[in-house]
Amino acid sequence: MATENKNLSEYDKNTIPNAKDFRFGIVVSEWNETITEGLYNGAFEALIDNEVPAQQIIRWNVPGSFELIYGAKKMLQTQNVDAVIVIGCVIQGQTKHFDFVCEGVTQGIKDLNVQTDIPVIFCVLTDNNIQQSIDRSGGIHGNKGTEAAIAAIKMAYIRQQASMSHPFNQPLLSSGAIQIEETPIKIDKE
């Protein structure tokens, strides 16, 4: 497994952008609540550890992992956040339901990232058994929620920097796209 030799909770604070002015949304599945609460706690604590004020962290609960997509979409539309973390846990059972839910949630979150300008961070465990989920929600492999929070901070920062480096006062193309004019680089020759 990818997490076998990595502690999901470890990060170097010196590599994390200043997050005190960012606003984060966290959408949490109520299904497999023991696991999702552990993931939420890891995400919340990592945001607080990186100076995000608690009042700038919004939490919404949804019934299950499949509903994370709709919850994240509505949060993006209504809450003026810089990034959203979706937290869920799907554990392999004896039917194909696992496959359908995992695929649907993965594609839905991917679609939100493609369709909107605000990053949505995927923190959905898709494990073979409950022990693997325990190990990744504060257990021996650390906490995937912590890792997701750090990803959210970094992506919010990338979004902020991208918006500052390409102001939207450029002319529109006939397609409606914005044309970014590049400034030629002058090279001094001696």
Protein backbone atom coordinates (compact mmCIF):
# COMPACT_ATOMS: atom_id res chain seq x y z
CA MET A 1 0.00 0.00 0.00
CA ALA A 2 1.13 3.54 -0.69
CA THR A 3 0.89 4.52 2.98
CA GLU A 4 2.91 1.60 4.35
CA ASN A 5 6.16 3.55 4.54
CA LYS A 6 4.69 6.99 5.14
CA ASN A 7 3.06 8.66 8.12
CA LEU A 8 0.13 10.63 6.71
CA SER A 9 0.26 13.07 9.62
CA GLU A 10 3.84 14.25 9.11
CA TYR A 11 4.56 17.52 7.35
CA ASP A 12 7.17 20.24 7.48
CA LYS A 13 5.56 23.50 8.63
CA ASN A 14 8.35 25.42 6.88
CA THR A 15 6.98 24.24 3.52
CA ILE A 16 3.37 25.24 4.20
CA PRO A 17 2.11 28.61 2.95
CA ASN A 18 0.61 31.08 5.41
CA ALA A 19 -3.00 29.98 5.82
CA LYS A 20 -4.36 32.46 8.37
CA ASP A 21 -6.44 34.38 5.82
CA PHE A 22 -7.89 31.36 4.02
CA ARG A 23 -11.38 29.98 4.60
CA PHE A 24 -11.94 26.21 4.36
CA GLY A 25 -14.98 24.03 4.01
CA ILE A 26 -15.06 20.44 5.20
CA VAL A 27 -17.87 18.12 4.10
CA VAL A 28 -18.02 14.96 6.23
CA SER A 29 -19.85 11.71 5.53
CA GLU A 30 -21.81 10.32 8.48
CA TRP A 31 -21.38 6.76 7.15
CA ASN A 32 -18.55 4.96 8.98
CA GLU A 33 -18.69 7.82 11.48
CA THR A 34 -15.91 6.58 13.75
CA ILE A 35 -13.50 6.75 10.83
CA THR A 36 -14.78 10.00 9.31
CA GLU A 37 -14.67 11.74 12.70
CA GLY A 38 -11.03 10.71 13.06
CA LEU A 39 -10.30 12.08 9.58
CA TYR A 40 -12.16 15.30 10.36
CA ASN A 41 -10.22 15.75 13.61
CA GLY A 42 -6.95 15.30 11.75
CA ALA A 43 -7.94 17.88 9.12
CA PHE A 44 -9.28 20.38 11.65
CA GLU A 45 -6.21 20.11 13.90
CA ALA A 46 -3.82 20.55 10.95
CA LEU A 47 -5.67 23.68 9.79
CA ILE A 48 -5.59 25.11 13.31
CA ASP A 49 -1.89 24.16 13.62
CA ASN A 50 -1.26 26.22 10.48
CA GLU A 51 -2.97 29.30 11.96
CA VAL A 52 -6.38 29.01 10.30
CA PRO A 53 -8.85 30.54 12.79
CA ALA A 54 -11.58 28.07 13.84
CA GLN A 55 -14.30 30.48 12.66
CA GLN A 56 -12.85 30.22 9.12
CA ILE A 57 -13.47 26.46 9.02
CA ILE A 58 -17.00 25.44 8.00
CA ARG A 59 -18.23 21.89 8.55
CA TRP A 60 -21.22 20.29 6.86
CA ASN A 61 -22.32 16.69 7.35
CA VAL A 62 -23.88 14.54 4.64
CA PRO A 63 -25.38 11.03 5.02
CA GLY A 64 -22.80 9.06 3.02
CA SER A 65 -19.79 9.31 0.74
CA PHE A 66 -21.88 9.53 -2.43
CA GLU A 67 -23.52 12.68 -1.06
CA LEU A 68 -20.11 14.37 -0.63
CA ILE A 69 -20.31 15.56 -4.23
CA TYR A 70 -23.56 17.47 -3.75
CA GLY A 71 -22.46 18.81 -0.35
CA ALA A 72 -19.19 20.08 -1.80
CA LYS A 73 -20.96 21.62 -4.80
CA LYS A 74 -23.38 23.53 -2.56
CA MET A 75 -20.56 24.63 -0.28
CA LEU A 76 -18.62 25.93 -3.30
CA GLN A 77 -21.69 27.85 -4.46
CA THR A 78 -22.65 29.42 -1.15
CA GLN A 79 -19.80 29.68 1.36
CA ASN A 80 -16.99 31.75 -0.19
CA VAL A 81 -14.28 29.22 0.66
CA ASP A 82 -10.74 28.94 -0.68
CA ALA A 83 -10.80 25.12 -0.69
CA VAL A 84 -13.11 22.27 0.30
CA ILE A 85 -12.07 18.97 1.83
CA VAL A 86 -14.44 16.04 1.37
CA ILE A 87 -14.12 13.32 4.00
CA GLY A 88 -15.58 9.85 3.63
CA CYS A 89 -14.90 6.16 4.12
CA VAL A 90 -16.04 3.29 1.92
CA ILE A 91 -15.10 -0.20 3.05
CA GLN A 92 -15.14 -3.20 0.70
CA GLY A 93 -18.13 -5.44 1.21
CA GLN A 94 -19.44 -8.53 -0.54
CA THR A 95 -21.25 -6.68 -3.35
CA LYS A 96 -20.27 -4.37 -6.19
CA HIS A 97 -21.78 -1.43 -4.28
CA PHE A 98 -18.23 -0.55 -3.11
CA ASP A 99 -17.03 -0.21 -6.71
CA PHE A 100 -19.95 1.96 -7.78
CA VAL A 101 -19.70 4.31 -4.81
CA CYS A 102 -15.91 4.66 -5.06
CA GLU A 103 -16.01 5.32 -8.81
CA GLY A 104 -18.92 7.76 -8.53
CA VAL A 105 -17.38 9.78 -5.71
CA THR A 106 -13.98 9.87 -7.38
CA GLN A 107 -15.40 11.05 -10.70
CA GLY A 108 -17.76 13.53 -9.01
CA ILE A 109 -14.96 15.20 -7.05
CA LYS A 110 -12.77 15.22 -10.17
CA ASP A 111 -15.62 16.92 -12.05
CA LEU A 112 -15.93 19.63 -9.38
CA ASN A 113 -12.20 20.32 -9.69
CA VAL A 114 -12.51 20.65 -13.46
CA GLN A 115 -15.72 22.70 -13.44
CA THR A 116 -14.98 25.17 -10.65
CA ASP A 117 -12.13 27.46 -9.68
CA ILE A 118 -11.98 26.29 -6.07
CA PRO A 119 -9.99 23.16 -5.22
CA VAL A 120 -11.81 20.19 -3.76
CA ILE A 121 -9.52 17.85 -1.84
CA PHE A 122 -10.31 14.13 -1.91
CA CYS A 123 -10.09 12.57 1.55
CA VAL A 124 -12.15 9.44 1.03
CA LEU A 125 -10.71 6.20 2.31
CA THR A 126 -11.48 3.22 0.06
CA ASP A 127 -10.16 0.35 2.11
CA ASN A 128 -10.54 -3.43 2.04
CA ASN A 129 -11.40 -3.65 5.74
CA ILE A 130 -12.10 -1.57 8.83
CA GLN A 131 -8.59 -2.04 10.21
CA GLN A 132 -7.05 -0.35 7.17
CA SER A 133 -9.41 2.59 7.73
CA ILE A 134 -8.52 2.79 11.43
CA ASP A 135 -4.83 2.73 10.53
CA ARG A 136 -5.29 5.74 8.21
CA SER A 137 -7.61 7.86 10.35
CA GLY A 138 -5.28 8.39 13.29
CA GLY A 139 -3.78 4.92 13.63
CA ILE A 140 -0.40 3.45 12.75
CA HIS A 141 -0.21 5.17 9.35
CA GLY A 142 -1.17 8.59 10.71
CA ASN A 143 -4.18 10.54 9.53
CA LYS A 144 -5.27 11.06 5.93
CA GLY A 145 -7.31 14.04 7.18
CA THR A 146 -4.09 15.80 8.18
CA GLU A 147 -2.62 15.15 4.75
CA ALA A 148 -5.80 16.47 3.10
CA ALA A 149 -5.70 19.69 5.15
CA ILE A 150 -2.11 20.35 4.10
CA ALA A 151 -3.09 19.71 0.47
CA ALA A 152 -6.01 22.13 0.87
CA ILE A 153 -3.71 24.88 2.19
CA LYS A 154 -1.26 24.37 -0.66
CA MET A 155 -4.00 24.35 -3.29
CA ALA A 156 -5.68 27.46 -1.85
CA TYR A 157 -2.29 29.16 -2.05
CA ILE A 158 -1.79 28.06 -5.67
CA ARG A 159 -5.25 29.41 -6.53
CA GLN A 160 -4.44 32.72 -4.83
CA GLN A 161 -1.08 33.06 -6.61
CA ALA A 162 -2.55 32.15 -10.01
CA SER A 163 -5.24 34.80 -9.68
CA MET A 164 -2.64 37.43 -8.83
CA SER A 165 -0.25 36.59 -11.67
CA HIS A 166 -2.86 36.73 -14.44
CA PRO A 167 -5.24 39.67 -13.90
CA PHE A 168 -8.55 39.27 -15.69
CA ASN A 169 -8.43 42.60 -17.49
CA GLN A 170 -7.23 40.89 -20.66
CA PRO A 171 -9.34 40.93 -23.86
CA LEU A 172 -11.82 38.11 -24.49
CA LEU A 173 -11.50 35.89 -27.54
CA SER A 174 -14.53 35.21 -29.76
CA SER A 175 -14.99 31.91 -27.86
CA GLY A 176 -15.37 33.85 -24.60
CA ALA A 177 -12.00 32.67 -23.30
CA ILE A 178 -9.59 35.14 -21.75
CA GLN A 179 -6.48 35.84 -23.78
CA ILE A 180 -3.38 36.09 -21.63
CA GLU A 181 -0.80 38.27 -23.27
CA GLU A 182 2.74 37.33 -22.50
CA THR A 183 5.36 39.99 -21.98
CA PRO A 184 8.41 39.33 -24.13
CA ILE A 185 11.60 38.69 -22.20
CA LYS A 186 14.44 41.04 -23.09
CA ILE A 187 17.91 39.56 -23.03
CA ASP A 188 20.81 41.96 -22.64
CA LYS A 189 23.69 41.00 -24.88
CA GLU A 190 27.13 42.20 -23.96
